[in-house]
Structure formats: C-alpha cells, structure tokens
C-alpha cells in the first residue's frame, strides 16, 4: 500500500522483528524491507524485569543521507500495556533509531526514501490478542 507525497509507506512486508534475511550484501539499505532489517540489528528491547512485551509502531522519515528527518512518533501501542511498559518501549525505540542512524542508503534508495514517512512495526508478542488499536 505505497502512496505518494507525505502519506505513509508501510513497511508491512518486513516486520521490524522476526525478519529473516540480511541487508544488501554491501551493507547498504536498498529496499523498504532493508530498512526494517537494518534497524533490527540495533534493536535492544527493554529487559523483561522493566517491561512486559508489547507491540508498538513508530513512524519515521529519513533524508537522503539516512538521517532522521523531523521527529519520529509512536502511532500504535498494545492497548493492554501499562504506562510503564509503554515508556520503556518508547525509550528503546528511540535509542534504536539513535544507534542505527544514519542509515546507509544506496543512491537509488536515498532518492526513493527521502522525506517519506515509514511505519515500522515492532512486534514483541508471539500472537497479539484481538484488540482495537489504541492510538499513542
């Protein structure tokens, strides 16, 4: 469901966690799926003692150089998560983005990704209960 302009370019084909495969052989990010795979290499979830697993989605844009453009925002969190769980996962997501940027885009991907928002889902649960989405 790719859309143009300032609309979302979902990375649903490649979930942030549990993605098999590797980033392009030269270590460059060349596809939307590679963005999630690359960010996965920097992901450190909060310790179980600090937060129960939850699902969370971050919307983030990058410039041509692979740096974060604007401010990432959380668009979804599991409805049954506590405030402390949400806080710990929000911190972990932002630390991941700091550790992993700038993304090493190929020239083609830099042009395609620049300025477009990507919805990056982080799925920590094996199966999510059927709940209504709770906006962040």
N, C-alpha and C. Protein backbone atom coordinates (compact mmCIF):
# COMPACT_ATOMS: atom_id res chain seq x y z
N UNK A 1 0.83 -1.17 0.00
CA UNK A 1 0.00 0.00 0.00
C UNK A 1 0.88 1.24 0.00
N UNK A 2 1.77 1.33 -0.94
CA UNK A 2 2.63 2.50 -1.03
C UNK A 2 1.84 3.66 -1.61
N UNK A 3 2.03 4.84 -1.03
CA UNK A 3 1.35 6.02 -1.50
C UNK A 3 2.37 7.13 -1.65
N UNK A 4 2.04 8.11 -2.44
CA UNK A 4 2.98 9.19 -2.73
C UNK A 4 2.87 10.34 -1.75
N UNK A 5 3.78 11.28 -1.89
CA UNK A 5 3.74 12.50 -1.10
C UNK A 5 4.04 12.27 0.36
N UNK A 6 3.28 12.93 1.22
CA UNK A 6 3.51 12.84 2.66
C UNK A 6 2.75 11.69 3.30
N UNK A 7 2.25 10.80 2.51
CA UNK A 7 1.50 9.68 3.05
C UNK A 7 2.44 8.56 3.45
N UNK A 8 1.91 7.65 4.23
CA UNK A 8 2.73 6.56 4.76
C UNK A 8 3.18 5.59 3.67
N UNK A 9 4.36 5.08 3.84
CA UNK A 9 4.87 3.99 3.03
C UNK A 9 5.09 2.85 4.00
N UNK A 10 4.07 2.01 4.21
CA UNK A 10 4.20 0.97 5.23
C UNK A 10 5.31 -0.02 4.92
N UNK A 11 5.96 -0.44 5.94
CA UNK A 11 6.99 -1.47 5.82
C UNK A 11 6.41 -2.79 6.31
N UNK A 12 5.15 -3.03 6.00
CA UNK A 12 4.47 -4.22 6.49
C UNK A 12 5.07 -5.50 5.95
N UNK A 13 5.67 -5.43 4.77
CA UNK A 13 6.25 -6.63 4.20
C UNK A 13 7.41 -7.14 5.03
N UNK A 14 7.99 -6.27 5.81
CA UNK A 14 9.13 -6.67 6.62
C UNK A 14 8.92 -6.16 8.03
N UNK A 15 8.44 -7.00 8.90
CA UNK A 15 8.26 -6.59 10.28
C UNK A 15 9.61 -6.31 10.90
N UNK A 16 9.62 -5.36 11.80
CA UNK A 16 10.85 -4.91 12.45
C UNK A 16 11.57 -6.07 13.12
N UNK A 17 10.86 -6.92 13.79
CA UNK A 17 11.46 -8.08 14.45
C UNK A 17 11.02 -9.34 13.74
N UNK A 18 11.85 -10.34 13.78
CA UNK A 18 11.50 -11.61 13.20
C UNK A 18 11.66 -11.65 11.70
N UNK A 19 12.38 -10.70 11.13
CA UNK A 19 12.59 -10.67 9.70
C UNK A 19 13.79 -11.56 9.38
N UNK A 20 13.60 -12.45 8.42
CA UNK A 20 14.73 -13.27 8.01
C UNK A 20 15.42 -12.58 6.85
N UNK A 21 16.62 -12.99 6.58
CA UNK A 21 17.36 -12.38 5.50
C UNK A 21 18.29 -11.31 6.03
N UNK A 22 19.09 -10.78 5.15
CA UNK A 22 20.07 -9.79 5.56
C UNK A 22 19.93 -8.55 4.72
N UNK A 23 20.57 -7.50 5.15
CA UNK A 23 20.62 -6.27 4.39
C UNK A 23 21.44 -6.56 3.13
N UNK A 24 21.31 -5.73 2.13
CA UNK A 24 22.04 -5.93 0.89
C UNK A 24 23.49 -6.32 1.18
N UNK A 25 24.04 -7.14 0.29
CA UNK A 25 25.37 -7.71 0.52
C UNK A 25 26.44 -6.69 0.88
N UNK A 26 26.35 -5.51 0.31
CA UNK A 26 27.38 -4.50 0.59
C UNK A 26 27.09 -3.72 1.86
N UNK A 27 26.07 -4.16 2.64
CA UNK A 27 25.74 -3.49 3.89
C UNK A 27 24.88 -2.26 3.69
N UNK A 28 24.46 -2.00 2.47
CA UNK A 28 23.65 -0.83 2.16
C UNK A 28 22.17 -1.16 2.25
N UNK A 29 21.38 -0.16 2.58
CA UNK A 29 19.93 -0.29 2.63
C UNK A 29 19.41 0.06 1.24
N UNK A 30 18.82 -0.94 0.55
CA UNK A 30 18.43 -0.77 -0.83
C UNK A 30 16.92 -0.92 -1.06
N UNK A 31 16.19 -1.41 -0.06
CA UNK A 31 14.74 -1.62 -0.21
C UNK A 31 14.04 -1.21 1.08
N UNK A 32 12.71 -1.11 1.00
CA UNK A 32 11.93 -0.83 2.21
C UNK A 32 12.16 -1.93 3.23
N UNK A 33 12.18 -3.17 2.80
CA UNK A 33 12.42 -4.29 3.71
C UNK A 33 13.77 -4.17 4.38
N UNK A 34 14.76 -3.66 3.67
CA UNK A 34 16.10 -3.49 4.25
C UNK A 34 16.10 -2.49 5.40
N UNK A 35 15.22 -1.49 5.35
CA UNK A 35 15.15 -0.52 6.45
C UNK A 35 14.84 -1.25 7.75
N UNK A 36 13.82 -2.09 7.73
CA UNK A 36 13.45 -2.85 8.93
C UNK A 36 14.55 -3.81 9.34
N UNK A 37 15.15 -4.48 8.37
CA UNK A 37 16.22 -5.43 8.70
C UNK A 37 17.41 -4.70 9.33
N UNK A 38 17.75 -3.56 8.78
CA UNK A 38 18.89 -2.81 9.31
C UNK A 38 18.60 -2.33 10.72
N UNK A 39 17.41 -1.78 10.95
CA UNK A 39 17.06 -1.31 12.28
C UNK A 39 17.02 -2.45 13.29
N UNK A 40 16.66 -3.64 12.82
CA UNK A 40 16.63 -4.82 13.70
C UNK A 40 18.01 -5.10 14.30
N UNK A 41 19.06 -4.78 13.56
CA UNK A 41 20.41 -5.05 14.06
C UNK A 41 20.75 -4.17 15.26
N UNK A 42 20.03 -3.08 15.44
CA UNK A 42 20.28 -2.15 16.55
C UNK A 42 19.27 -2.29 17.68
N UNK A 43 18.23 -3.09 17.49
CA UNK A 43 17.14 -3.20 18.45
C UNK A 43 17.57 -3.90 19.73
N UNK A 44 17.30 -3.26 20.84
CA UNK A 44 17.52 -3.84 22.18
C UNK A 44 16.25 -3.59 22.98
N UNK A 45 15.42 -4.63 23.13
CA UNK A 45 14.18 -4.42 23.88
C UNK A 45 14.48 -4.17 25.35
N UNK A 46 13.53 -3.55 26.04
CA UNK A 46 13.74 -3.36 27.48
C UNK A 46 13.81 -4.72 28.17
N UNK A 47 14.57 -4.82 29.25
CA UNK A 47 14.63 -6.09 29.99
C UNK A 47 13.23 -6.48 30.47
N UNK A 48 12.98 -7.78 30.54
CA UNK A 48 11.67 -8.29 30.97
C UNK A 48 11.30 -7.78 32.36
N UNK A 49 12.31 -7.51 33.20
CA UNK A 49 12.03 -7.02 34.55
C UNK A 49 11.50 -5.58 34.53
N UNK A 50 11.74 -4.84 33.43
CA UNK A 50 11.29 -3.45 33.34
C UNK A 50 9.98 -3.29 32.57
N UNK A 51 9.70 -4.20 31.63
CA UNK A 51 8.51 -4.03 30.80
C UNK A 51 8.05 -5.37 30.23
N UNK A 52 6.75 -5.54 30.21
CA UNK A 52 6.18 -6.71 29.54
C UNK A 52 6.23 -6.48 28.04
N UNK A 53 6.35 -7.54 27.25
CA UNK A 53 6.37 -7.37 25.79
C UNK A 53 5.10 -6.68 25.29
N UNK A 54 5.28 -5.83 24.31
CA UNK A 54 4.13 -5.18 23.68
C UNK A 54 4.43 -4.93 22.22
N UNK A 55 3.39 -4.65 21.48
CA UNK A 55 3.53 -4.27 20.08
C UNK A 55 3.51 -2.75 20.00
N UNK A 56 4.36 -2.21 19.15
CA UNK A 56 4.46 -0.76 19.03
C UNK A 56 4.85 -0.45 17.58
N UNK A 57 4.37 0.66 17.07
CA UNK A 57 4.71 1.10 15.72
C UNK A 57 5.23 2.52 15.78
N UNK A 58 6.34 2.75 15.11
CA UNK A 58 6.93 4.09 15.06
C UNK A 58 6.86 4.57 13.61
N UNK A 59 6.55 5.84 13.45
CA UNK A 59 6.57 6.45 12.12
C UNK A 59 7.77 7.38 12.09
N UNK A 60 8.60 7.16 11.08
CA UNK A 60 9.85 7.91 10.98
C UNK A 60 10.16 8.18 9.52
N UNK A 61 10.77 9.34 9.27
CA UNK A 61 11.21 9.71 7.93
C UNK A 61 12.72 9.93 7.96
N UNK A 62 13.32 9.77 6.80
CA UNK A 62 14.77 9.93 6.68
C UNK A 62 15.07 10.90 5.54
N UNK A 63 16.22 11.56 5.63
CA UNK A 63 16.67 12.37 4.50
C UNK A 63 17.53 11.49 3.60
N UNK A 64 18.04 12.06 2.51
CA UNK A 64 18.83 11.27 1.54
C UNK A 64 20.08 10.66 2.19
N UNK A 65 20.62 11.33 3.19
CA UNK A 65 21.83 10.84 3.85
C UNK A 65 21.53 9.75 4.88
N UNK A 66 20.24 9.44 5.10
CA UNK A 66 19.87 8.38 6.04
C UNK A 66 19.67 8.86 7.46
N UNK A 67 19.73 10.16 7.67
CA UNK A 67 19.47 10.72 9.00
C UNK A 67 17.97 10.89 9.21
N UNK A 68 17.55 10.88 10.46
CA UNK A 68 16.14 11.07 10.79
C UNK A 68 15.74 12.48 10.40
N UNK A 69 14.60 12.56 9.74
CA UNK A 69 14.04 13.83 9.30
C UNK A 69 12.84 14.14 10.19
N UNK A 70 12.87 15.26 10.87
CA UNK A 70 11.77 15.61 11.76
C UNK A 70 11.83 14.80 13.05
N UNK A 71 10.65 14.52 13.59
CA UNK A 71 10.55 13.81 14.86
C UNK A 71 9.80 12.50 14.68
N UNK A 72 10.42 11.37 15.01
CA UNK A 72 9.68 10.10 14.97
C UNK A 72 8.51 10.17 15.94
N UNK A 73 7.45 9.45 15.62
CA UNK A 73 6.33 9.41 16.56
C UNK A 73 5.77 8.00 16.65
N UNK A 74 5.27 7.69 17.80
CA UNK A 74 4.65 6.40 18.03
C UNK A 74 3.20 6.50 17.57
N UNK A 75 2.78 5.59 16.70
CA UNK A 75 1.42 5.64 16.18
C UNK A 75 0.53 4.54 16.75
N UNK A 76 1.14 3.51 17.35
CA UNK A 76 0.36 2.41 17.91
C UNK A 76 1.13 1.76 19.04
N UNK A 77 0.39 1.38 20.08
CA UNK A 77 0.92 0.58 21.19
C UNK A 77 -0.17 -0.38 21.60
N UNK A 78 0.21 -1.55 22.09
CA UNK A 78 -0.77 -2.52 22.56
C UNK A 78 -1.69 -1.88 23.59
N UNK A 79 -2.98 -2.11 23.43
CA UNK A 79 -3.98 -1.47 24.30
C UNK A 79 -3.85 -1.88 25.76
N UNK A 80 -3.40 -3.10 26.02
CA UNK A 80 -3.35 -3.59 27.40
C UNK A 80 -2.01 -3.33 28.09
N UNK A 81 -1.13 -2.58 27.45
CA UNK A 81 0.18 -2.28 28.05
C UNK A 81 0.02 -1.21 29.14
N UNK A 82 0.82 -1.34 30.17
CA UNK A 82 0.80 -0.34 31.23
C UNK A 82 1.56 0.91 30.77
N UNK A 83 1.38 2.00 31.48
CA UNK A 83 2.11 3.22 31.15
C UNK A 83 3.61 3.01 31.24
N UNK A 84 4.06 2.24 32.22
CA UNK A 84 5.50 1.96 32.37
C UNK A 84 6.01 1.12 31.20
N UNK A 85 5.22 0.11 30.76
CA UNK A 85 5.62 -0.68 29.60
C UNK A 85 5.78 0.22 28.38
N UNK A 86 4.81 1.08 28.16
CA UNK A 86 4.86 1.99 27.01
C UNK A 86 6.09 2.89 27.07
N UNK A 87 6.36 3.44 28.23
CA UNK A 87 7.51 4.32 28.39
C UNK A 87 8.81 3.58 28.07
N UNK A 88 8.96 2.38 28.61
CA UNK A 88 10.19 1.62 28.38
C UNK A 88 10.37 1.28 26.90
N UNK A 89 9.29 0.92 26.21
CA UNK A 89 9.39 0.59 24.79
C UNK A 89 9.62 1.84 23.94
N UNK A 90 9.01 2.95 24.32
CA UNK A 90 9.27 4.19 23.59
C UNK A 90 10.74 4.58 23.68
N UNK A 91 11.31 4.45 24.86
CA UNK A 91 12.73 4.74 25.06
C UNK A 91 13.57 3.79 24.20
N UNK A 92 13.24 2.50 24.22
CA UNK A 92 14.01 1.52 23.44
C UNK A 92 13.94 1.81 21.94
N UNK A 93 12.78 2.21 21.45
CA UNK A 93 12.63 2.55 20.03
C UNK A 93 13.50 3.75 19.68
N UNK A 94 13.44 4.79 20.48
CA UNK A 94 14.22 5.99 20.18
C UNK A 94 15.72 5.73 20.29
N UNK A 95 16.13 4.91 21.25
CA UNK A 95 17.56 4.54 21.35
C UNK A 95 17.99 3.75 20.13
N UNK A 96 17.14 2.88 19.64
CA UNK A 96 17.44 2.12 18.43
C UNK A 96 17.66 3.06 17.25
N UNK A 97 16.77 4.03 17.09
CA UNK A 97 16.92 4.97 15.98
C UNK A 97 18.21 5.78 16.11
N UNK A 98 18.57 6.16 17.33
CA UNK A 98 19.82 6.90 17.53
C UNK A 98 21.03 6.03 17.20
N UNK A 99 21.00 4.76 17.64
CA UNK A 99 22.13 3.85 17.40
C UNK A 99 22.31 3.56 15.92
N UNK A 100 21.22 3.48 15.19
CA UNK A 100 21.24 2.95 13.84
C UNK A 100 21.30 4.01 12.73
N UNK A 101 21.17 5.26 13.08
CA UNK A 101 21.20 6.26 12.02
C UNK A 101 22.54 6.99 12.02
N UNK A 102 22.97 7.43 10.86
CA UNK A 102 22.27 7.43 9.60
C UNK A 102 22.23 6.05 8.95
N UNK A 103 21.13 5.77 8.24
CA UNK A 103 21.02 4.51 7.51
C UNK A 103 21.89 4.60 6.27
N UNK A 104 22.60 3.52 5.94
CA UNK A 104 23.48 3.55 4.76
C UNK A 104 22.71 3.25 3.47
N UNK A 105 21.93 4.22 3.00
CA UNK A 105 21.13 4.04 1.80
C UNK A 105 21.99 3.91 0.56
N UNK A 106 21.53 3.08 -0.37
CA UNK A 106 22.11 3.11 -1.71
C UNK A 106 21.63 4.41 -2.36
N UNK A 107 22.25 4.81 -3.46
CA UNK A 107 21.82 6.03 -4.13
C UNK A 107 20.36 5.96 -4.54
N UNK A 108 19.94 4.80 -5.07
CA UNK A 108 18.56 4.65 -5.51
C UNK A 108 17.59 4.74 -4.33
N UNK A 109 17.93 4.09 -3.22
CA UNK A 109 17.04 4.11 -2.06
C UNK A 109 17.02 5.49 -1.42
N UNK A 110 18.14 6.19 -1.44
CA UNK A 110 18.19 7.54 -0.85
C UNK A 110 17.18 8.44 -1.54
N UNK A 111 17.11 8.35 -2.85
CA UNK A 111 16.15 9.17 -3.59
C UNK A 111 14.71 8.74 -3.35
N UNK A 112 14.50 7.45 -3.24
CA UNK A 112 13.14 6.92 -3.04
C UNK A 112 12.62 7.17 -1.63
N UNK A 113 13.49 7.12 -0.64
CA UNK A 113 13.07 7.20 0.76
C UNK A 113 13.04 8.62 1.30
N UNK A 114 13.80 9.51 0.72
CA UNK A 114 13.96 10.85 1.28
C UNK A 114 12.61 11.55 1.49
N UNK A 115 12.36 11.90 2.74
CA UNK A 115 11.17 12.66 3.08
C UNK A 115 9.90 11.86 3.26
N UNK A 116 9.92 10.59 2.95
CA UNK A 116 8.71 9.77 3.07
C UNK A 116 8.62 9.14 4.45
N UNK A 117 7.44 9.17 5.05
CA UNK A 117 7.28 8.52 6.36
C UNK A 117 7.13 7.01 6.21
N UNK A 118 7.80 6.28 7.06
CA UNK A 118 7.71 4.83 7.10
C UNK A 118 7.10 4.40 8.42
N UNK A 119 6.14 3.52 8.37
CA UNK A 119 5.55 2.94 9.58
C UNK A 119 6.32 1.65 9.86
N UNK A 120 7.06 1.63 10.95
CA UNK A 120 7.90 0.48 11.30
C UNK A 120 7.25 -0.23 12.50
N UNK A 121 6.63 -1.39 12.26
CA UNK A 121 6.02 -2.12 13.38
C UNK A 121 7.06 -2.93 14.14
N UNK A 122 6.93 -2.95 15.43
CA UNK A 122 7.78 -3.77 16.29
C UNK A 122 6.84 -4.73 16.99
N UNK A 123 6.96 -5.97 16.67
CA UNK A 123 6.06 -6.98 17.23
C UNK A 123 6.84 -7.86 18.19
N UNK A 124 6.56 -7.70 19.47
CA UNK A 124 7.26 -8.45 20.51
C UNK A 124 6.48 -9.66 20.98
N UNK A 125 5.20 -9.71 20.73
CA UNK A 125 4.38 -10.82 21.18
C UNK A 125 4.39 -11.91 20.13
N UNK A 126 4.27 -13.14 20.58
CA UNK A 126 4.16 -14.24 19.62
C UNK A 126 2.83 -14.15 18.88
N UNK A 127 1.77 -13.87 19.60
CA UNK A 127 0.47 -13.62 18.98
C UNK A 127 -0.18 -12.48 19.73
N UNK A 128 -0.68 -11.55 19.01
CA UNK A 128 -1.34 -10.40 19.62
C UNK A 128 -2.80 -10.73 19.86
N UNK A 129 -3.33 -10.38 21.01
CA UNK A 129 -4.75 -10.62 21.24
C UNK A 129 -5.58 -9.71 20.35
N UNK A 130 -6.77 -10.16 19.97
CA UNK A 130 -7.60 -9.30 19.13
C UNK A 130 -8.14 -8.14 19.94
N UNK A 131 -7.53 -6.97 19.75
CA UNK A 131 -7.96 -5.76 20.46
C UNK A 131 -8.08 -4.64 19.46
N UNK A 132 -8.78 -3.63 19.84
CA UNK A 132 -8.83 -2.45 19.00
C UNK A 132 -7.52 -1.70 19.18
N UNK A 133 -7.05 -1.10 18.10
CA UNK A 133 -5.82 -0.31 18.21
C UNK A 133 -6.06 0.86 19.13
N UNK A 134 -5.08 1.14 19.95
CA UNK A 134 -5.13 2.29 20.84
C UNK A 134 -4.11 3.29 20.35
N UNK A 135 -4.56 4.43 19.87
CA UNK A 135 -3.59 5.43 19.40
C UNK A 135 -2.65 5.85 20.53
N UNK A 136 -1.44 6.16 20.14
CA UNK A 136 -0.43 6.59 21.14
C UNK A 136 -0.71 7.97 21.61
